[in-house]
Amino acid sequence: LGIYNFLTARPAPDRFKTPMFSYSNPKWYAELLEDIAIQKPKYILNRKQYPEMDPFMPRIKKYHDEIHAYINQHYKLALEAGNIQVYEVVDNAIK
């Protein structure tokens, strides 16, 4: 979560250190998408599996899928290490 920001010496692009915290409120989720689009972080760290989210997937799947679609549209997979994926922005406009 926030440890990635600490280890990479980069501020979080939003008040949510991980997208799943915003899934409980549509306004928070919209805020997250807006902030990520504006700040366009150079790297995004992702886990391949989220077992703690499995019980909630019926309710949050649309948010989860939308975040991953955004990542796939604007980022490329740069590195995989176990369950962690590192995506690097491919858009030219990095903030």
N, C-alpha and C. Protein backbone atom coordinates (compact mmCIF):
# COMPACT_ATOMS: atom_id res chain seq x y z
N LEU A 1 0.83 -1.18 0.00
CA LEU A 1 0.00 0.00 0.00
C LEU A 1 0.88 1.24 0.00
N GLY A 2 0.86 2.02 1.04
CA GLY A 2 1.67 3.23 1.10
C GLY A 2 3.17 2.95 1.11
N ILE A 3 3.56 1.73 1.45
CA ILE A 3 4.98 1.39 1.49
C ILE A 3 5.62 1.55 0.12
N TYR A 4 4.87 1.29 -0.95
CA TYR A 4 5.42 1.46 -2.29
C TYR A 4 5.80 2.91 -2.55
N ASN A 5 4.95 3.82 -2.08
CA ASN A 5 5.26 5.24 -2.24
C ASN A 5 6.51 5.60 -1.46
N PHE A 6 6.64 5.04 -0.27
CA PHE A 6 7.82 5.30 0.54
C PHE A 6 9.08 4.75 -0.14
N LEU A 7 9.02 3.49 -0.59
CA LEU A 7 10.19 2.85 -1.19
C LEU A 7 10.61 3.52 -2.50
N THR A 8 9.65 4.05 -3.24
CA THR A 8 9.98 4.70 -4.51
C THR A 8 10.17 6.20 -4.38
N ALA A 9 10.03 6.73 -3.17
CA ALA A 9 10.18 8.16 -2.89
C ALA A 9 9.28 9.01 -3.78
N ARG A 10 8.06 8.51 -3.99
CA ARG A 10 7.08 9.24 -4.79
C ARG A 10 5.80 9.40 -3.97
N PRO A 11 5.18 10.56 -4.04
CA PRO A 11 3.91 10.72 -3.32
C PRO A 11 2.82 9.89 -3.98
N ALA A 12 1.84 9.51 -3.20
CA ALA A 12 0.68 8.82 -3.76
C ALA A 12 -0.04 9.78 -4.70
N PRO A 13 -0.56 9.29 -5.82
CA PRO A 13 -1.24 10.18 -6.76
C PRO A 13 -2.62 10.62 -6.28
N ASP A 14 -3.07 10.06 -5.18
CA ASP A 14 -4.41 10.34 -4.69
C ASP A 14 -4.41 10.10 -3.18
N ARG A 15 -5.47 10.47 -2.52
CA ARG A 15 -5.52 10.23 -1.07
C ARG A 15 -5.68 8.75 -0.76
N PHE A 16 -6.04 7.95 -1.76
CA PHE A 16 -6.17 6.51 -1.57
C PHE A 16 -4.85 5.85 -1.98
N LYS A 17 -4.24 5.16 -1.05
CA LYS A 17 -2.95 4.52 -1.33
C LYS A 17 -3.13 3.30 -2.23
N THR A 18 -4.33 2.81 -2.33
CA THR A 18 -4.66 1.68 -3.19
C THR A 18 -6.09 1.88 -3.69
N PRO A 19 -6.36 1.54 -4.94
CA PRO A 19 -7.71 1.78 -5.48
C PRO A 19 -8.82 1.10 -4.69
N MET A 20 -8.55 -0.06 -4.10
CA MET A 20 -9.63 -0.78 -3.43
C MET A 20 -10.26 0.03 -2.29
N PHE A 21 -9.54 0.99 -1.72
CA PHE A 21 -10.13 1.81 -0.66
C PHE A 21 -11.22 2.73 -1.20
N SER A 22 -11.18 3.03 -2.48
CA SER A 22 -12.17 3.93 -3.06
C SER A 22 -13.41 3.19 -3.56
N TYR A 23 -13.37 1.88 -3.62
CA TYR A 23 -14.48 1.11 -4.20
C TYR A 23 -15.76 1.19 -3.39
N SER A 24 -15.70 1.59 -2.15
CA SER A 24 -16.90 1.60 -1.31
C SER A 24 -17.79 2.82 -1.54
N ASN A 25 -17.29 3.80 -2.30
CA ASN A 25 -18.08 5.01 -2.52
C ASN A 25 -17.86 5.50 -3.95
N PRO A 26 -18.91 5.56 -4.76
CA PRO A 26 -18.76 5.98 -6.16
C PRO A 26 -18.09 7.35 -6.33
N LYS A 27 -18.33 8.29 -5.42
CA LYS A 27 -17.68 9.60 -5.52
C LYS A 27 -16.18 9.49 -5.27
N TRP A 28 -15.80 8.66 -4.31
CA TRP A 28 -14.38 8.46 -4.04
C TRP A 28 -13.69 7.80 -5.23
N TYR A 29 -14.39 6.85 -5.84
CA TYR A 29 -13.82 6.16 -6.99
C TYR A 29 -13.64 7.14 -8.16
N ALA A 30 -14.62 7.98 -8.41
CA ALA A 30 -14.51 8.99 -9.47
C ALA A 30 -13.34 9.93 -9.18
N GLU A 31 -13.16 10.29 -7.93
CA GLU A 31 -12.03 11.14 -7.53
C GLU A 31 -10.70 10.45 -7.83
N LEU A 32 -10.61 9.18 -7.52
CA LEU A 32 -9.40 8.42 -7.79
C LEU A 32 -9.07 8.41 -9.28
N LEU A 33 -10.05 8.11 -10.12
CA LEU A 33 -9.81 8.08 -11.57
C LEU A 33 -9.36 9.44 -12.09
N GLU A 34 -9.99 10.49 -11.60
CA GLU A 34 -9.63 11.84 -12.02
C GLU A 34 -8.20 12.19 -11.60
N ASP A 35 -7.85 11.87 -10.36
CA ASP A 35 -6.51 12.18 -9.87
C ASP A 35 -5.43 11.40 -10.61
N ILE A 36 -5.68 10.13 -10.89
CA ILE A 36 -4.70 9.33 -11.63
C ILE A 36 -4.53 9.85 -13.04
N ALA A 37 -5.62 10.26 -13.68
CA ALA A 37 -5.54 10.79 -15.04
C ALA A 37 -4.77 12.11 -15.07
N ILE A 38 -4.93 12.93 -14.04
CA ILE A 38 -4.24 14.22 -13.99
C ILE A 38 -2.76 14.03 -13.66
N GLN A 39 -2.47 13.23 -12.65
CA GLN A 39 -1.09 13.08 -12.18
C GLN A 39 -0.29 12.06 -12.99
N LYS A 40 -0.96 11.12 -13.60
CA LYS A 40 -0.34 10.07 -14.39
C LYS A 40 0.98 9.58 -13.80
N PRO A 41 0.91 8.79 -12.72
CA PRO A 41 2.15 8.30 -12.10
C PRO A 41 3.02 7.56 -13.11
N LYS A 42 4.33 7.70 -12.98
CA LYS A 42 5.25 7.05 -13.91
C LYS A 42 5.17 5.53 -13.78
N TYR A 43 4.98 5.04 -12.56
CA TYR A 43 4.89 3.60 -12.32
C TYR A 43 3.65 3.28 -11.51
N ILE A 44 3.08 2.12 -11.78
CA ILE A 44 2.00 1.59 -10.97
C ILE A 44 2.40 0.18 -10.56
N LEU A 45 2.32 -0.09 -9.26
CA LEU A 45 2.58 -1.42 -8.75
C LEU A 45 1.26 -2.11 -8.52
N ASN A 46 1.16 -3.34 -8.98
CA ASN A 46 -0.08 -4.09 -8.91
C ASN A 46 0.21 -5.50 -8.43
N ARG A 47 -0.75 -6.06 -7.73
CA ARG A 47 -0.67 -7.48 -7.39
C ARG A 47 -1.50 -8.25 -8.40
N LYS A 48 -1.03 -9.44 -8.77
CA LYS A 48 -1.78 -10.28 -9.71
C LYS A 48 -3.01 -10.87 -9.04
N GLN A 49 -2.91 -11.17 -7.76
CA GLN A 49 -4.01 -11.80 -7.04
C GLN A 49 -4.36 -10.98 -5.81
N TYR A 50 -5.66 -10.94 -5.52
CA TYR A 50 -6.18 -10.19 -4.37
C TYR A 50 -7.10 -11.11 -3.57
N PRO A 51 -6.60 -12.11 -2.88
CA PRO A 51 -7.49 -13.05 -2.19
C PRO A 51 -8.38 -12.39 -1.13
N GLU A 52 -7.91 -11.32 -0.52
CA GLU A 52 -8.73 -10.65 0.50
C GLU A 52 -9.94 -9.95 -0.11
N MET A 53 -9.93 -9.76 -1.42
CA MET A 53 -11.04 -9.09 -2.08
C MET A 53 -12.06 -10.07 -2.65
N ASP A 54 -11.75 -11.35 -2.68
CA ASP A 54 -12.65 -12.34 -3.27
C ASP A 54 -14.08 -12.26 -2.74
N PRO A 55 -14.30 -12.13 -1.43
CA PRO A 55 -15.68 -12.06 -0.95
C PRO A 55 -16.45 -10.83 -1.45
N PHE A 56 -15.72 -9.79 -1.83
CA PHE A 56 -16.36 -8.54 -2.26
C PHE A 56 -16.46 -8.39 -3.78
N MET A 57 -15.86 -9.31 -4.51
CA MET A 57 -15.79 -9.17 -5.97
C MET A 57 -17.14 -8.97 -6.66
N PRO A 58 -18.20 -9.67 -6.24
CA PRO A 58 -19.47 -9.41 -6.93
C PRO A 58 -19.87 -7.93 -6.90
N ARG A 59 -19.53 -7.24 -5.81
CA ARG A 59 -19.91 -5.83 -5.67
C ARG A 59 -18.90 -4.87 -6.29
N ILE A 60 -17.63 -5.23 -6.30
CA ILE A 60 -16.60 -4.27 -6.73
C ILE A 60 -15.93 -4.62 -8.06
N LYS A 61 -16.35 -5.71 -8.69
CA LYS A 61 -15.69 -6.17 -9.92
C LYS A 61 -15.64 -5.08 -10.99
N LYS A 62 -16.71 -4.30 -11.15
CA LYS A 62 -16.71 -3.27 -12.19
C LYS A 62 -15.61 -2.23 -11.95
N TYR A 63 -15.39 -1.86 -10.67
CA TYR A 63 -14.33 -0.90 -10.36
C TYR A 63 -12.95 -1.51 -10.62
N HIS A 64 -12.78 -2.73 -10.16
CA HIS A 64 -11.52 -3.45 -10.33
C HIS A 64 -11.18 -3.59 -11.82
N ASP A 65 -12.17 -3.99 -12.61
CA ASP A 65 -11.95 -4.17 -14.05
C ASP A 65 -11.65 -2.83 -14.74
N GLU A 66 -12.33 -1.77 -14.32
CA GLU A 66 -12.12 -0.46 -14.92
C GLU A 66 -10.71 0.07 -14.64
N ILE A 67 -10.22 -0.12 -13.41
CA ILE A 67 -8.86 0.29 -13.07
C ILE A 67 -7.86 -0.47 -13.93
N HIS A 68 -8.06 -1.77 -14.07
CA HIS A 68 -7.12 -2.56 -14.87
C HIS A 68 -7.20 -2.20 -16.35
N ALA A 69 -8.37 -1.86 -16.84
CA ALA A 69 -8.49 -1.41 -18.23
C ALA A 69 -7.72 -0.10 -18.43
N TYR A 70 -7.81 0.80 -17.45
CA TYR A 70 -7.07 2.07 -17.53
C TYR A 70 -5.57 1.79 -17.55
N ILE A 71 -5.12 0.92 -16.67
CA ILE A 71 -3.69 0.57 -16.63
C ILE A 71 -3.25 -0.01 -17.97
N ASN A 72 -4.02 -0.94 -18.50
CA ASN A 72 -3.65 -1.56 -19.77
C ASN A 72 -3.65 -0.58 -20.94
N GLN A 73 -4.45 0.45 -20.85
CA GLN A 73 -4.51 1.45 -21.92
C GLN A 73 -3.35 2.43 -21.86
N HIS A 74 -2.88 2.78 -20.67
CA HIS A 74 -1.88 3.84 -20.52
C HIS A 74 -0.51 3.39 -20.04
N TYR A 75 -0.38 2.11 -19.70
CA TYR A 75 0.87 1.59 -19.13
C TYR A 75 1.27 0.30 -19.82
N LYS A 76 2.56 -0.03 -19.69
CA LYS A 76 3.04 -1.32 -20.18
C LYS A 76 3.67 -2.06 -19.00
N LEU A 77 3.58 -3.38 -19.04
CA LEU A 77 4.18 -4.19 -18.00
C LEU A 77 5.69 -4.11 -18.13
N ALA A 78 6.35 -3.64 -17.10
CA ALA A 78 7.81 -3.46 -17.13
C ALA A 78 8.54 -4.56 -16.37
N LEU A 79 7.89 -5.13 -15.34
CA LEU A 79 8.57 -6.10 -14.50
C LEU A 79 7.54 -6.92 -13.73
N GLU A 80 7.84 -8.20 -13.56
CA GLU A 80 7.04 -9.06 -12.69
C GLU A 80 7.96 -9.73 -11.70
N ALA A 81 7.54 -9.77 -10.45
CA ALA A 81 8.30 -10.44 -9.41
C ALA A 81 7.31 -11.12 -8.47
N GLY A 82 7.14 -12.42 -8.64
CA GLY A 82 6.15 -13.13 -7.83
C GLY A 82 4.75 -12.63 -8.12
N ASN A 83 4.08 -12.17 -7.10
CA ASN A 83 2.71 -11.68 -7.24
C ASN A 83 2.65 -10.19 -7.61
N ILE A 84 3.80 -9.54 -7.72
CA ILE A 84 3.84 -8.10 -7.99
C ILE A 84 4.14 -7.82 -9.46
N GLN A 85 3.40 -6.89 -10.01
CA GLN A 85 3.64 -6.40 -11.37
C GLN A 85 3.96 -4.92 -11.30
N VAL A 86 4.94 -4.49 -12.08
CA VAL A 86 5.29 -3.08 -12.16
C VAL A 86 4.96 -2.62 -13.58
N TYR A 87 4.09 -1.62 -13.66
CA TYR A 87 3.71 -1.05 -14.94
C TYR A 87 4.35 0.32 -15.09
N GLU A 88 4.80 0.62 -16.29
CA GLU A 88 5.41 1.93 -16.59
C GLU A 88 4.52 2.65 -17.59
N VAL A 89 4.33 3.94 -17.36
CA VAL A 89 3.47 4.73 -18.23
C VAL A 89 4.05 4.77 -19.65
N VAL A 90 3.17 4.69 -20.64
CA VAL A 90 3.62 4.79 -22.03
C VAL A 90 3.16 6.06 -22.68
N ASP A 91 2.25 6.78 -22.01
CA ASP A 91 1.80 8.08 -22.55
C ASP A 91 2.96 9.07 -22.52
N ASN A 92 2.97 9.97 -23.44
CA ASN A 92 4.03 10.97 -23.52
C ASN A 92 3.90 12.05 -22.46
N ALA A 93 2.70 12.30 -21.99
CA ALA A 93 2.49 13.39 -21.04
C ALA A 93 2.57 12.88 -19.61
N ILE A 94 3.74 12.82 -19.04
CA ILE A 94 3.91 12.43 -17.65
C ILE A 94 3.98 13.69 -16.81
N LYS A 95 3.18 13.73 -15.78
CA LYS A 95 3.15 14.89 -14.89
C LYS A 95 4.18 14.72 -13.80
